[in-house]
PDB file of N, CA and C in Angstrom:
ATOM      1  N   MET A   1     -31.659  29.051  12.454  1.00  0.00           N
ATOM      2  CA  MET A   1     -31.265  27.798  11.828  1.00  0.00           C
ATOM      3  C   MET A   1     -30.523  26.872  12.837  1.00  0.00           C
ATOM      4  N   PRO A   2     -30.868  25.596  13.065  1.00  0.00           N
ATOM      5  CA  PRO A   2     -30.358  24.783  13.990  1.00  0.00           C
ATOM      6  C   PRO A   2     -28.761  24.298  13.406  1.00  0.00           C
ATOM      7  N   ASP A   3     -28.061  24.087  14.337  1.00  0.00           N
ATOM      8  CA  ASP A   3     -26.582  23.468  14.096  1.00  0.00           C
ATOM      9  C   ASP A   3     -26.615  22.285  14.286  1.00  0.00           C
ATOM     10  N   ASP A   4     -26.410  21.894  12.613  1.00  0.00           N
ATOM     11  CA  ASP A   4     -26.421  20.296  12.413  1.00  0.00           C
ATOM     12  C   ASP A   4     -25.288  19.819  12.292  1.00  0.00           C
ATOM     13  N   GLY A   5     -24.236  20.407  12.753  1.00  0.00           N
ATOM     14  CA  GLY A   5     -22.660  19.756  12.889  1.00  0.00           C
ATOM     15  C   GLY A   5     -21.974  20.683  12.180  1.00  0.00           C
ATOM     16  N   PRO A   6     -20.540  20.214  11.947  1.00  0.00           N
ATOM     17  CA  PRO A   6     -19.778  20.425  10.987  1.00  0.00           C
ATOM     18  C   PRO A   6     -20.158  20.104   9.319  1.00  0.00           C
ATOM     19  N   ILE A   7     -19.900  21.301   8.764  1.00  0.00           N
ATOM     20  CA  ILE A   7     -20.155  21.057   7.127  1.00  0.00           C
ATOM     21  C   ILE A   7     -19.242  19.976   6.454  1.00  0.00           C
ATOM     22  N   VAL A   8     -18.028  19.961   6.920  1.00  0.00           N
ATOM     23  CA  VAL A   8     -16.747  19.261   6.449  1.00  0.00           C
ATOM     24  C   VAL A   8     -16.163  18.594   7.144  1.00  0.00           C
ATOM     25  N   ASP A   9     -15.406  17.356   6.998  1.00  0.00           N
ATOM     26  CA  ASP A   9     -14.882  16.930   8.299  1.00  0.00           C
ATOM     27  C   ASP A   9     -13.423  16.706   7.632  1.00  0.00           C
ATOM     28  N   GLU A  10     -12.948  17.453   6.639  1.00  0.00           N
ATOM     29  CA  GLU A  10     -11.370  17.145   6.343  1.00  0.00           C
ATOM     30  C   GLU A  10     -11.523  18.341   5.184  1.00  0.00           C
ATOM     31  N   VAL A  11     -10.027  18.600   5.396  1.00  0.00           N
ATOM     32  CA  VAL A  11      -9.756  19.612   4.130  1.00  0.00           C
ATOM     33  C   VAL A  11      -8.730  19.386   3.007  1.00  0.00           C
ATOM     34  N   SER A  12      -9.127  18.873   1.919  1.00  0.00           N
ATOM     35  CA  SER A  12      -8.376  18.347   0.912  1.00  0.00           C
ATOM     36  C   SER A  12      -7.445  19.541   0.233  1.00  0.00           C
ATOM     37  N   ALA A  13      -6.362  19.305   0.128  1.00  0.00           N
ATOM     38  CA  ALA A  13      -5.215  20.391  -0.104  1.00  0.00           C
ATOM     39  C   ALA A  13      -4.201  19.919  -1.082  1.00  0.00           C
ATOM     40  N   PRO A  14      -3.947  20.635  -2.220  1.00  0.00           N
ATOM     41  CA  PRO A  14      -2.957  20.095  -3.033  1.00  0.00           C
ATOM     42  C   PRO A  14      -1.643  21.108  -2.907  1.00  0.00           C
ATOM     43  N   ALA A  15      -0.539  20.498  -2.908  1.00  0.00           N
ATOM     44  CA  ALA A  15       0.682  21.214  -2.688  1.00  0.00           C
ATOM     45  C   ALA A  15       1.201  21.174  -4.125  1.00  0.00           C
ATOM     46  N   TYR A  16       0.761  20.842  -4.928  1.00  0.00           N
ATOM     47  CA  TYR A  16       1.777  20.581  -6.260  1.00  0.00           C
ATOM     48  C   TYR A  16       1.508  21.720  -7.463  1.00  0.00           C
ATOM     49  N   VAL A  17       0.495  22.619  -7.542  1.00  0.00           N
ATOM     50  CA  VAL A  17       0.308  23.317  -8.536  1.00  0.00           C
ATOM     51  C   VAL A  17       1.240  24.328  -8.715  1.00  0.00           C
ATOM     52  N   ILE A  18       2.047  24.925  -7.957  1.00  0.00           N
ATOM     53  CA  ILE A  18       3.460  25.631  -8.537  1.00  0.00           C
ATOM     54  C   ILE A  18       4.251  25.359  -7.331  1.00  0.00           C
ATOM     55  N   PRO A  19       5.646  25.716  -7.510  1.00  0.00           N
ATOM     56  CA  PRO A  19       6.675  24.942  -6.486  1.00  0.00           C
ATOM     57  C   PRO A  19       6.358  25.924  -5.124  1.00  0.00           C
ATOM     58  N   THR A  20       5.679  26.820  -5.069  1.00  0.00           N
ATOM     59  CA  THR A  20       5.379  27.655  -3.722  1.00  0.00           C
ATOM     60  C   THR A  20       4.174  27.177  -2.899  1.00  0.00           C
ATOM     61  N   ASP A  21       3.484  26.154  -3.389  1.00  0.00           N
ATOM     62  CA  ASP A  21       2.310  25.748  -2.724  1.00  0.00           C
ATOM     63  C   ASP A  21       2.769  24.683  -1.840  1.00  0.00           C
ATOM     64  N   ALA A  22       3.707  24.326  -1.246  1.00  0.00           N
ATOM     65  CA  ALA A  22       4.157  23.658  -0.044  1.00  0.00           C
ATOM     66  C   ALA A  22       3.856  24.585   0.967  1.00  0.00           C
ATOM     67  N   PRO A  23       4.299  25.687   1.419  1.00  0.00           N
ATOM     68  CA  PRO A  23       3.837  26.474   2.229  1.00  0.00           C
ATOM     69  C   PRO A  23       2.382  27.004   2.376  1.00  0.00           C
ATOM     70  N   GLU A  24       1.703  27.039   1.490  1.00  0.00           N
ATOM     71  CA  GLU A  24       0.549  27.345   1.326  1.00  0.00           C
ATOM     72  C   GLU A  24      -0.229  26.121   1.937  1.00  0.00           C
ATOM     73  N   PHE A  25       0.164  24.853   1.652  1.00  0.00           N
ATOM     74  CA  PHE A  25      -0.362  23.608   1.848  1.00  0.00           C
ATOM     75  C   PHE A  25      -0.193  23.629   3.635  1.00  0.00           C
ATOM     76  N   LEU A  26       0.934  24.062   3.854  1.00  0.00           N
ATOM     77  CA  LEU A  26       1.095  23.943   5.204  1.00  0.00           C
ATOM     78  C   LEU A  26       0.136  25.073   6.137  1.00  0.00           C
ATOM     79  N   ARG A  27      -0.134  26.109   5.750  1.00  0.00           N
ATOM     80  CA  ARG A  27      -1.020  27.455   6.277  1.00  0.00           C
ATOM     81  C   ARG A  27      -2.526  26.791   6.004  1.00  0.00           C
ATOM     82  N   GLY A  28      -2.772  26.174   5.235  1.00  0.00           N
ATOM     83  CA  GLY A  28      -4.213  25.497   5.234  1.00  0.00           C
ATOM     84  C   GLY A  28      -4.449  24.625   6.103  1.00  0.00           C
ATOM     85  N   ALA A  29      -3.171  23.710   6.223  1.00  0.00           N
ATOM     86  CA  ALA A  29      -3.568  22.416   7.351  1.00  0.00           C
ATOM     87  C   ALA A  29      -3.270  23.489   8.763  1.00  0.00           C
ATOM     88  N   ALA A  30      -2.532  24.091   8.845  1.00  0.00           N
ATOM     89  CA  ALA A  30      -2.863  25.029  10.356  1.00  0.00           C
ATOM     90  C   ALA A  30      -4.252  25.733  10.433  1.00  0.00           C
ATOM     91  N   LEU A  31      -4.804  26.068   9.584  1.00  0.00           N
ATOM     92  CA  LEU A  31      -6.145  26.490   9.607  1.00  0.00           C
ATOM     93  C   LEU A  31      -6.977  25.261   9.696  1.00  0.00           C
ATOM     94  N   ALA A  32      -7.051  24.381   9.172  1.00  0.00           N
ATOM     95  CA  ALA A  32      -7.617  23.125   9.521  1.00  0.00           C
ATOM     96  C   ALA A  32      -7.765  22.657  10.615  1.00  0.00           C
ATOM     97  N   ALA A  33      -6.527  22.706  11.383  1.00  0.00           N
ATOM     98  CA  ALA A  33      -6.155  22.581  12.852  1.00  0.00           C
ATOM     99  C   ALA A  33      -6.958  23.145  13.558  1.00  0.00           C
ATOM    100  N   ALA A  34      -6.777  24.600  13.363  1.00  0.00           N
ATOM    101  CA  ALA A  34      -7.490  25.523  14.423  1.00  0.00           C
ATOM    102  C   ALA A  34      -8.993  25.334  14.144  1.00  0.00           C
ATOM    103  N   HIS A  35      -9.597  24.598  13.457  1.00  0.00           N
ATOM    104  CA  HIS A  35     -11.053  24.244  13.460  1.00  0.00           C
ATOM    105  C   HIS A  35     -11.277  22.672  13.797  1.00  0.00           C
ATOM    106  N   ASN A  36     -10.105  21.953  14.073  1.00  0.00           N
ATOM    107  CA  ASN A  36     -10.346  20.689  14.659  1.00  0.00           C
ATOM    108  C   ASN A  36     -10.392  19.934  13.122  1.00  0.00           C
ATOM    109  N   LEU A  37      -9.976  19.875  12.291  1.00  0.00           N
ATOM    110  CA  LEU A  37     -10.157  19.618  10.931  1.00  0.00           C
ATOM    111  C   LEU A  37      -9.065  18.396  10.448  1.00  0.00           C
ATOM    112  N   GLN A  38      -9.245  17.431  10.248  1.00  0.00           N
ATOM    113  CA  GLN A  38      -8.054  16.822   9.463  1.00  0.00           C
ATOM    114  C   GLN A  38      -7.665  17.073   8.043  1.00  0.00           C
ATOM    115  N   VAL A  39      -6.487  16.813   7.407  1.00  0.00           N
ATOM    116  CA  VAL A  39      -6.047  17.340   6.138  1.00  0.00           C
ATOM    117  C   VAL A  39      -5.926  15.801   5.539  1.00  0.00           C
ATOM    118  N   SER A  40      -6.496  16.277   4.011  1.00  0.00           N
ATOM    119  CA  SER A  40      -6.297  14.937   3.232  1.00  0.00           C
ATOM    120  C   SER A  40      -5.262  15.541   1.826  1.00  0.00           C
ATOM    121  N   ALA A  41      -4.140  15.138   1.874  1.00  0.00           N
ATOM    122  CA  ALA A  41      -3.192  15.635   0.903  1.00  0.00           C
ATOM    123  C   ALA A  41      -3.601  15.174  -0.379  1.00  0.00           C
ATOM    124  N   HIS A  42      -3.913  15.924  -1.412  1.00  0.00           N
ATOM    125  CA  HIS A  42      -4.544  15.860  -2.381  1.00  0.00           C
ATOM    126  C   HIS A  42      -3.728  15.338  -3.534  1.00  0.00           C
ATOM    127  N   ARG A  43      -3.782  14.450  -4.216  1.00  0.00           N
ATOM    128  CA  ARG A  43      -2.929  13.615  -5.443  1.00  0.00           C
ATOM    129  C   ARG A  43      -1.298  13.747  -5.195  1.00  0.00           C
ATOM    130  N   THR A  44      -0.478  13.538  -6.404  1.00  0.00           N
ATOM    131  CA  THR A  44       1.210  13.541  -6.274  1.00  0.00           C
ATOM    132  C   THR A  44       1.599  12.862  -5.214  1.00  0.00           C
ATOM    133  N   PRO A  45       1.254  11.569  -4.525  1.00  0.00           N
ATOM    134  CA  PRO A  45       1.897  10.954  -3.560  1.00  0.00           C
ATOM    135  C   PRO A  45       3.249  11.332  -3.106  1.00  0.00           C
ATOM    136  N   SER A  46       4.219  11.052  -4.235  1.00  0.00           N
ATOM    137  CA  SER A  46       5.648  11.303  -4.125  1.00  0.00           C
ATOM    138  C   SER A  46       5.929  12.596  -3.575  1.00  0.00           C
ATOM    139  N   LEU A  47       5.314  13.809  -4.060  1.00  0.00           N
ATOM    140  CA  LEU A  47       5.459  15.203  -3.378  1.00  0.00           C
ATOM    141  C   LEU A  47       4.813  15.243  -1.721  1.00  0.00           C
ATOM    142  N   HIS A  48       3.375  14.667  -1.870  1.00  0.00           N
ATOM    143  CA  HIS A  48       2.585  14.757  -0.400  1.00  0.00           C
ATOM    144  C   HIS A  48       3.168  14.088   0.190  1.00  0.00           C
ATOM    145  N   MET A  49       3.677  13.112   0.378  1.00  0.00           N
ATOM    146  CA  MET A  49       4.549  12.382   1.477  1.00  0.00           C
ATOM    147  C   MET A  49       5.257  12.954   2.267  1.00  0.00           C
ATOM    148  N   HIS A  50       5.978  13.839   1.560  1.00  0.00           N
ATOM    149  CA  HIS A  50       7.266  14.856   2.237  1.00  0.00           C
ATOM    150  C   HIS A  50       6.505  16.022   3.085  1.00  0.00           C
ATOM    151  N   VAL A  51       5.506  16.611   2.361  1.00  0.00           N
ATOM    152  CA  VAL A  51       5.094  17.717   3.101  1.00  0.00           C
ATOM    153  C   VAL A  51       4.015  17.373   3.939  1.00  0.00           C
ATOM    154  N   GLY A  52       3.169  16.280   4.003  1.00  0.00           N
ATOM    155  CA  GLY A  52       2.527  15.863   4.612  1.00  0.00           C
ATOM    156  C   GLY A  52       3.032  15.346   6.139  1.00  0.00           C
ATOM    157  N   VAL A  53       4.284  14.888   6.090  1.00  0.00           N
ATOM    158  CA  VAL A  53       4.843  14.303   7.519  1.00  0.00           C
ATOM    159  C   VAL A  53       4.750  15.558   8.430  1.00  0.00           C
ATOM    160  N   ALA A  54       4.868  16.890   7.927  1.00  0.00           N
ATOM    161  CA  ALA A  54       4.817  18.101   8.695  1.00  0.00           C
ATOM    162  C   ALA A  54       3.554  18.425   9.383  1.00  0.00           C
ATOM    163  N   VAL A  55       2.473  17.966   9.104  1.00  0.00           N
ATOM    164  CA  VAL A  55       1.244  18.004   9.285  1.00  0.00           C
ATOM    165  C   VAL A  55       0.430  16.960  10.427  1.00  0.00           C
ATOM    166  N   PRO A  56       0.032  17.609  11.713  1.00  0.00           N
ATOM    167  CA  PRO A  56      -0.264  16.677  12.408  1.00  0.00           C
ATOM    168  C   PRO A  56      -1.567  16.062  12.209  1.00  0.00           C
ATOM    169  N   GLY A  57      -2.335  16.643  11.646  1.00  0.00           N
ATOM    170  CA  GLY A  57      -3.527  16.230  11.300  1.00  0.00           C
ATOM    171  C   GLY A  57      -3.776  15.679   9.909  1.00  0.00           C
ATOM    172  N   LEU A  58      -2.901  15.380   9.532  1.00  0.00           N
ATOM    173  CA  LEU A  58      -2.685  14.485   8.186  1.00  0.00           C
ATOM    174  C   LEU A  58      -3.752  13.231   8.413  1.00  0.00           C
ATOM    175  N   ARG A  59      -4.624  13.182   7.629  1.00  0.00           N
ATOM    176  CA  ARG A  59      -5.555  12.014   7.668  1.00  0.00           C
ATOM    177  C   ARG A  59      -5.065  10.777   6.505  1.00  0.00           C
ATOM    178  N   HIS A  60      -4.968  11.303   5.052  1.00  0.00           N
ATOM    179  CA  HIS A  60      -4.105  10.238   4.484  1.00  0.00           C
ATOM    180  C   HIS A  60      -3.566  10.992   3.160  1.00  0.00           C
ATOM    181  N   VAL A  61      -2.720  10.432   2.499  1.00  0.00           N
ATOM    182  CA  VAL A  61      -2.526  11.075   1.172  1.00  0.00           C
ATOM    183  C   VAL A  61      -3.311  10.130   0.006  1.00  0.00           C
ATOM    184  N   GLU A  62      -4.056  10.853  -0.540  1.00  0.00           N
ATOM    185  CA  GLU A  62      -4.732  10.319  -1.869  1.00  0.00           C
ATOM    186  C   GLU A  62      -3.736   9.563  -2.866  1.00  0.00           C
ATOM    187  N   TYR A  63      -4.252   8.371  -2.883  1.00  0.00           N
ATOM    188  CA  TYR A  63      -3.182   7.566  -3.807  1.00  0.00           C
ATOM    189  C   TYR A  63      -4.416   7.131  -5.183  1.00  0.00           C
ATOM    190  N   PHE A  64      -3.683   7.934  -6.480  1.00  0.00           N
ATOM    191  CA  PHE A  64      -4.394   7.474  -7.538  1.00  0.00           C
ATOM    192  C   PHE A  64      -3.518   6.521  -8.573  1.00  0.00           C
ATOM    193  N   HIS A  65      -4.108   5.585  -9.109  1.00  0.00           N
ATOM    194  CA  HIS A  65      -3.013   4.685  -9.728  1.00  0.00           C
ATOM    195  C   HIS A  65      -2.485   5.242 -10.916  1.00  0.00           C
ATOM    196  N   ASP A  66      -3.673   6.092 -11.467  1.00  0.00           N
ATOM    197  CA  ASP A  66      -3.016   6.810 -12.897  1.00  0.00           C
ATOM    198  C   ASP A  66      -1.974   7.874 -12.474  1.00  0.00           C
ATOM    199  N   HIS A  67      -2.107   8.567 -11.555  1.00  0.00           N
ATOM    200  CA  HIS A  67      -0.798   9.604 -11.159  1.00  0.00           C
ATOM    201  C   HIS A  67       0.224   8.964 -10.537  1.00  0.00           C
ATOM    202  N   GLN A  68       0.302   7.764 -10.071  1.00  0.00           N
ATOM    203  CA  GLN A  68       1.583   6.994  -9.521  1.00  0.00           C
ATOM    204  C   GLN A  68       2.142   6.351 -10.897  1.00  0.00           C
ATOM    205  N   ARG A  69       1.081   6.052 -11.820  1.00  0.00           N
ATOM    206  CA  ARG A  69       1.849   5.479 -13.135  1.00  0.00           C
ATOM    207  C   ARG A  69       2.481   6.523 -13.810  1.00  0.00           C
ATOM    208  N   ILE A  70       2.248   7.655 -13.820  1.00  0.00           N
ATOM    209  CA  ILE A  70       2.603   8.660 -14.550  1.00  0.00           C
ATOM    210  C   ILE A  70       3.831   9.188 -13.652  1.00  0.00           C
ATOM    211  N   GLU A  71       3.765   9.264 -12.414  1.00  0.00           N
ATOM    212  CA  GLU A  71       4.755   9.616 -11.728  1.00  0.00           C
ATOM    213  C   GLU A  71       6.013   8.624 -11.930  1.00  0.00           C
ATOM    214  N   ARG A  72       6.216   7.323 -11.949  1.00  0.00           N
ATOM    215  CA  ARG A  72       6.774   6.193 -11.989  1.00  0.00           C
ATOM    216  C   ARG A  72       7.443   6.289 -13.476  1.00  0.00           C
ATOM    217  N   MET A  73       6.513   6.779 -14.379  1.00  0.00           N
ATOM    218  CA  MET A  73       6.774   6.853 -15.908  1.00  0.00           C
ATOM    219  C   MET A  73       8.042   8.005 -16.090  1.00  0.00           C
ATOM    220  N   LEU A  74       7.823   9.052 -15.331  1.00  0.00           N
ATOM    221  CA  LEU A  74       8.473  10.319 -15.857  1.00  0.00           C
ATOM    222  C   LEU A  74       9.392  10.699 -14.601  1.00  0.00           C
ATOM    223  N   PHE A  75       9.565   9.985 -13.457  1.00  0.00           N
ATOM    224  CA  PHE A  75      11.028  10.165 -12.532  1.00  0.00           C
ATOM    225  C   PHE A  75      11.247   8.813 -11.876  1.00  0.00           C
ATOM    226  N   ASP A  76      12.459   8.985 -11.783  1.00  0.00           N
ATOM    227  CA  ASP A  76      13.150   8.040 -10.983  1.00  0.00           C
ATOM    228  C   ASP A  76      13.031   8.327  -9.317  1.00  0.00           C
ATOM    229  N   GLY A  77      12.648   6.967  -8.952  1.00  0.00           N
ATOM    230  CA  GLY A  77      12.475   7.369  -7.450  1.00  0.00           C
ATOM    231  C   GLY A  77      11.251   7.531  -6.910  1.00  0.00           C
ATOM    232  N   ALA A  78      10.344   7.809  -7.853  1.00  0.00           N
ATOM    233  CA  ALA A  78       8.862   7.844  -7.427  1.00  0.00           C
ATOM    234  C   ALA A  78       8.429   6.959  -6.319  1.00  0.00           C
ATOM    235  N   LEU A  79       7.664   7.136  -5.373  1.00  0.00           N
ATOM    236  CA  LEU A  79       7.316   6.455  -4.366  1.00  0.00           C
ATOM    237  C   LEU A  79       6.161   5.750  -4.845  1.00  0.00           C
ATOM    238  N   GLY A  80       5.893   4.583  -3.878  1.00  0.00           N
ATOM    239  CA  GLY A  80       4.534   4.097  -3.964  1.00  0.00           C
ATOM    240  C   GLY A  80       4.342   3.199  -2.939  1.00  0.00           C
ATOM    241  N   PRO A  81       2.933   2.816  -2.378  1.00  0.00           N
ATOM    242  CA  PRO A  81       2.684   2.383  -0.887  1.00  0.00           C
ATOM    243  C   PRO A  81       3.421   0.913  -0.640  1.00  0.00           C
ATOM    244  N   HIS A  82       4.089   0.823   0.456  1.00  0.00           N
ATOM    245  CA  HIS A  82       4.623  -0.435   0.785  1.00  0.00           C
ATOM    246  C   HIS A  82       3.848  -0.799   1.876  1.00  0.00           C
ATOM    247  N   GLY A  83       2.439  -1.401   1.761  1.00  0.00           N
ATOM    248  CA  GLY A  83       1.893  -1.765   2.956  1.00  0.00           C
ATOM    249  C   GLY A  83       1.149  -0.574   3.834  1.00  0.00           C
ATOM    250  N   ALA A  84       1.744  -0.203   5.078  1.00  0.00           N
ATOM    251  CA  ALA A  84       0.887   0.790   5.315  1.00  0.00           C
ATOM    252  C   ALA A  84       1.825   2.020   5.347  1.00  0.00           C
ATOM    253  N   SER A  85       2.980   1.899   5.088  1.00  0.00           N
ATOM    254  CA  SER A  85       4.292   2.898   5.236  1.00  0.00           C
ATOM    255  C   SER A  85       4.694   3.534   3.823  1.00  0.00           C
ATOM    256  N   TRP A  86       5.391   4.728   4.134  1.00  0.00           N
ATOM    257  CA  TRP A  86       5.883   5.159   2.741  1.00  0.00           C
ATOM    258  C   TRP A  86       7.384   5.058   3.129  1.00  0.00           C
ATOM    259  N   PRO A  87       8.024   4.849   2.189  1.00  0.00           N
ATOM    260  CA  PRO A  87       9.473   4.760   2.541  1.00  0.00           C
ATOM    261  C   PRO A  87      10.322   6.228   2.569  1.00  0.00           C
ATOM    262  N   ARG A  88      11.184   6.487   3.560  1.00  0.00           N
ATOM    263  CA  ARG A  88      11.668   7.907   3.284  1.00  0.00           C
ATOM    264  C   ARG A  88      12.905   7.771   2.289  1.00  0.00           C
ATOM    265  N   PRO A  89      13.182   8.797   1.665  1.00  0.00           N
ATOM    266  CA  PRO A  89      14.169   8.884   0.400  1.00  0.00           C
ATOM    267  C   PRO A  89      15.230   8.716   1.131  1.00  0.00           C
ATOM    268  N   PRO A  90      16.590   8.045   0.281  1.00  0.00           N
ATOM    269  CA  PRO A  90      17.959   7.849   0.983  1.00  0.00           C
ATOM    270  C   PRO A  90      18.499   9.317   1.584  1.00  0.00           C
ATOM    271  N   GLU A  91      18.338  10.273   0.518  1.00  0.00           N
ATOM    272  CA  GLU A  91      18.693  11.528   0.447  1.00  0.00           C
ATOM    273  C   GLU A  91      17.972  12.491   0.650  1.00  0.00           C
ATOM    274  N   PRO A  92      18.644  13.770   1.033  1.00  0.00           N
ATOM    275  CA  PRO A  92      17.592  14.856   1.053  1.00  0.00           C
ATOM    276  C   PRO A  92      16.851  15.435  -0.357  1.00  0.00           C
ATOM    277  N   GLY A  93      15.946  16.040  -0.317  1.00  0.00           N
ATOM    278  CA  GLY A  93      14.970  16.389  -1.322  1.00  0.00           C
ATOM    279  C   GLY A  93      13.945  15.475  -1.860  1.00  0.00           C
ATOM    280  N   LEU A  94      13.381  15.474  -2.806  1.00  0.00           N
ATOM    281  CA  LEU A  94      12.130  14.370  -3.151  1.00  0.00           C
ATOM    282  C   LEU A  94      12.796  13.225  -3.322  1.00  0.00           C
ATOM    283  N   GLY A  95      13.990  13.279  -3.680  1.00  0.00           N
ATOM    284  CA  GLY A  95      14.443  11.660  -3.935  1.00  0.00           C
ATOM    285  C   GLY A  95      14.061  11.124  -5.275  1.00  0.00           C
ATOM    286  N   MET A  96      13.660  11.888  -6.091  1.00  0.00           N
ATOM    287  CA  MET A  96      13.410  11.733  -7.548  1.00  0.00           C
ATOM    288  C   MET A  96      14.463  12.338  -8.621  1.00  0.00           C
ATOM    289  N   SER A  97      14.339  11.856  -9.526  1.00  0.00           N
ATOM    290  CA  SER A  97      15.035  12.117 -10.698  1.00  0.00           C
ATOM    291  C   SER A  97      14.280  12.607 -11.737  1.00  0.00           C
ATOM    292  N   PHE A  98      14.091  13.743 -12.692  1.00  0.00           N
ATOM    293  CA  PHE A  98      13.189  13.459 -14.109  1.00  0.00           C
ATOM    294  C   PHE A  98      14.127  12.447 -15.083  1.00  0.00           C
ATOM    295  N   LYS A  99      12.948  12.015 -15.646  1.00  0.00           N
ATOM    296  CA  LYS A  99      13.662  10.811 -16.569  1.00  0.00           C
ATOM    297  C   LYS A  99      13.274  11.776 -18.234  1.00  0.00           C
ATOM    298  N   GLU A 100      14.524  12.700 -18.516  1.00  0.00           N
ATOM    299  CA  GLU A 100      14.078  13.162 -19.295  1.00  0.00           C
ATOM    300  C   GLU A 100      13.960  12.472 -20.905  1.00  0.00           C
ATOM    301  N   ALA A 101      14.979  11.678 -21.244  1.00  0.00           N
ATOM    302  CA  ALA A 101      14.375  10.789 -22.410  1.00  0.00           C
ATOM    303  C   ALA A 101      13.020  10.161 -22.237  1.00  0.00           C
ATOM    304  N   ASP A 102      12.761   9.740 -21.685  1.00  0.00           N
ATOM    305  CA  ASP A 102      11.556   8.718 -21.366  1.00  0.00           C
ATOM    306  C   ASP A 102      10.097   9.890 -21.557  1.00  0.00           C
ATOM    307  N   ALA A 103      10.377  11.287 -21.193  1.00  0.00           N
ATOM    308  CA  ALA A 103       9.585  12.131 -21.385  1.00  0.00           C
ATOM    309  C   ALA A 103       9.445  12.868 -22.938  1.00  0.00           C
ATOM    310  N   GLU A 104      10.508  12.626 -23.442  1.00  0.00           N
ATOM    311  CA  GLU A 104      10.732  13.594 -24.887  1.00  0.00           C
ATOM    312  C   GLU A 104       9.697  13.230 -25.679  1.00  0.00           C
ATOM    313  N   LYS A 105       9.198  11.638 -25.562  1.00  0.00           N
ATOM    314  CA  LYS A 105       8.067  11.674 -26.632  1.00  0.00           C
ATOM    315  C   LYS A 105       6.801  12.315 -26.299  1.00  0.00           C
ATOM    316  N   TYR A 106       6.722  12.946 -24.898  1.00  0.00           N
ATOM    317  CA  TYR A 106       5.567  13.658 -24.837  1.00  0.00           C
ATOM    318  C   TYR A 106       5.683  14.863 -25.147  1.00  0.00           C
ATOM    319  N   ARG A 107       6.777  15.501 -25.433  1.00  0.00           N
ATOM    320  CA  ARG A 107       6.935  16.947 -25.447  1.00  0.00           C
ATOM    321  C   ARG A 107       6.357  17.488 -26.757  1.00  0.00           C
ATOM    322  N   GLN A 108       5.678  18.964 -26.359  1.00  0.00           N
ATOM    323  CA  GLN A 108       4.896  19.525 -27.163  1.00  0.00           C
ATOM    324  C   GLN A 108       5.490  20.729 -27.716  1.00  0.00           C
ATOM    325  N   GLY A 109       5.497  21.253 -28.843  1.00  0.00           N
ATOM    326  CA  GLY A 109       5.904  22.652 -29.421  1.00  0.00           C
ATOM    327  C   GLY A 109       7.570  22.631 -29.337  1.00  0.00           C
TER     328      GLY A 109
END
């Protein structure tokens, strides 16, 4: 079978499924780097901006308007794109706080 080149040109990795996924995201990025692939941070830009800066081969942070809308509805301090850069939070952590009162109307059970 002839070699037609790489099958993929980037790895799309989420770090939002469970809180311990950030280390898995970094392991995936290391695996991608070992194969000369870039990494695309998949969804939740306010989370991936932080873990993404630790990845040398980060291609981009995927930006979905609906995800950003939900982040801003439910979290004070959710990030949004500002030109070609993302601002660094003013203090350690993700720089967000949960809007419990705003989220109450969506509570089920």
